[in-house]
Amino acid sequence: MPLDGRERERLRWRSRRGLLELDLVLQRFWSPPGPDLDEAQGRALARLLAMPDNDLLDLVMDRVPNADPALEQVLVRLKAA
């Protein structure tokens, strides 16, 4: 089931980061028309956004391997943005 608009906007707001590199990746990820996320992907994105900036950047830049398969689909989409 797709994310509702309110949850989608909450995730978009949480995507504002302190590192320029992450801001650029996340801006491209959310750029129109924006990602089409289901509830599971929304939960995965929320978990990623709860990480410290440097840890998230390391995952997005493939500096460290992703140990959680539940996050992989969203990470692939972030990397492609």
Protein backbone atom coordinates (compact mmCIF):
# COMPACT_ATOMS: atom_id res chain seq x y z
CA MET A 1 0.00 0.00 0.00
CA PRO A 2 1.45 3.43 -0.92
CA LEU A 3 2.41 5.94 1.73
CA ASP A 4 -0.18 8.56 2.53
CA GLY A 5 0.65 12.18 1.81
CA ARG A 6 1.15 13.12 5.44
CA GLU A 7 3.71 10.37 6.10
CA ARG A 8 5.45 11.16 2.82
CA GLU A 9 5.84 14.83 3.79
CA ARG A 10 7.10 13.84 7.25
CA LEU A 11 9.83 11.72 5.65
CA ARG A 12 10.66 14.49 3.22
CA TRP A 13 11.06 16.94 6.11
CA ARG A 14 13.31 14.48 7.98
CA SER A 15 15.47 14.26 4.85
CA ARG A 16 16.98 17.68 5.58
CA ARG A 17 20.49 16.88 6.73
CA GLY A 18 23.53 18.65 8.10
CA LEU A 19 25.91 17.36 5.43
CA LEU A 20 25.83 18.96 2.00
CA GLU A 21 26.59 15.64 0.30
CA LEU A 22 23.55 14.00 1.89
CA ASP A 23 21.36 17.00 1.16
CA LEU A 24 22.25 16.75 -2.53
CA VAL A 25 21.48 13.02 -2.70
CA LEU A 26 18.21 13.39 -0.81
CA GLN A 27 17.11 16.42 -2.86
CA ARG A 28 17.55 14.40 -6.05
CA PHE A 29 15.71 11.48 -4.44
CA TRP A 30 12.71 13.70 -3.63
CA SER A 31 12.81 15.82 -6.80
CA PRO A 32 9.60 15.77 -8.85
CA PRO A 33 7.82 13.53 -9.35
CA GLY A 34 9.50 12.08 -6.24
CA PRO A 35 9.78 8.48 -5.21
CA ASP A 36 6.79 6.17 -5.19
CA LEU A 37 7.17 4.48 -1.81
CA ASP A 38 5.08 1.77 -0.23
CA GLU A 39 4.75 1.38 3.55
CA ALA A 40 7.70 -1.03 3.89
CA GLN A 41 9.95 1.30 1.91
CA GLY A 42 8.72 4.21 4.02
CA ARG A 43 9.68 2.35 7.20
CA ALA A 44 13.09 1.54 5.73
CA LEU A 45 13.63 5.17 4.74
CA ALA A 46 12.62 6.29 8.24
CA ARG A 47 15.22 3.92 9.70
CA LEU A 48 17.87 5.28 7.37
CA LEU A 49 16.96 8.87 8.23
CA ALA A 50 17.25 8.06 11.95
CA MET A 51 20.95 7.28 11.44
CA PRO A 52 23.65 9.85 12.15
CA ASP A 53 24.62 11.78 9.02
CA ASN A 54 28.08 10.24 8.68
CA ASP A 55 26.77 6.67 9.01
CA LEU A 56 24.09 7.29 6.39
CA LEU A 57 26.59 8.90 4.04
CA ASP A 58 28.92 5.91 4.43
CA LEU A 59 26.08 3.58 3.38
CA VAL A 60 25.02 5.73 0.43
CA MET A 61 28.63 6.08 -0.79
CA ASP A 62 29.32 2.32 -0.34
CA ARG A 63 32.09 2.99 2.16
CA VAL A 64 30.59 0.36 4.47
CA PRO A 65 28.48 -2.64 3.52
CA ASN A 66 24.79 -2.68 4.33
CA ALA A 67 24.12 -5.44 6.86
CA ASP A 68 20.33 -5.05 6.82
CA PRO A 69 18.50 -6.49 3.79
CA ALA A 70 15.34 -4.55 4.69
CA LEU A 71 17.16 -1.30 3.83
CA GLU A 72 18.67 -2.47 0.55
CA GLN A 73 15.83 -1.48 -1.80
CA VAL A 74 15.72 2.10 -0.52
CA LEU A 75 19.52 2.36 -0.51
CA VAL A 76 19.62 1.31 -4.16
CA ARG A 77 17.11 4.03 -4.99
CA LEU A 78 19.06 6.64 -3.01
CA LYS A 79 22.28 5.70 -4.80
CA ALA A 80 20.55 5.96 -8.18
CA ALA A 81 19.23 9.46 -7.41
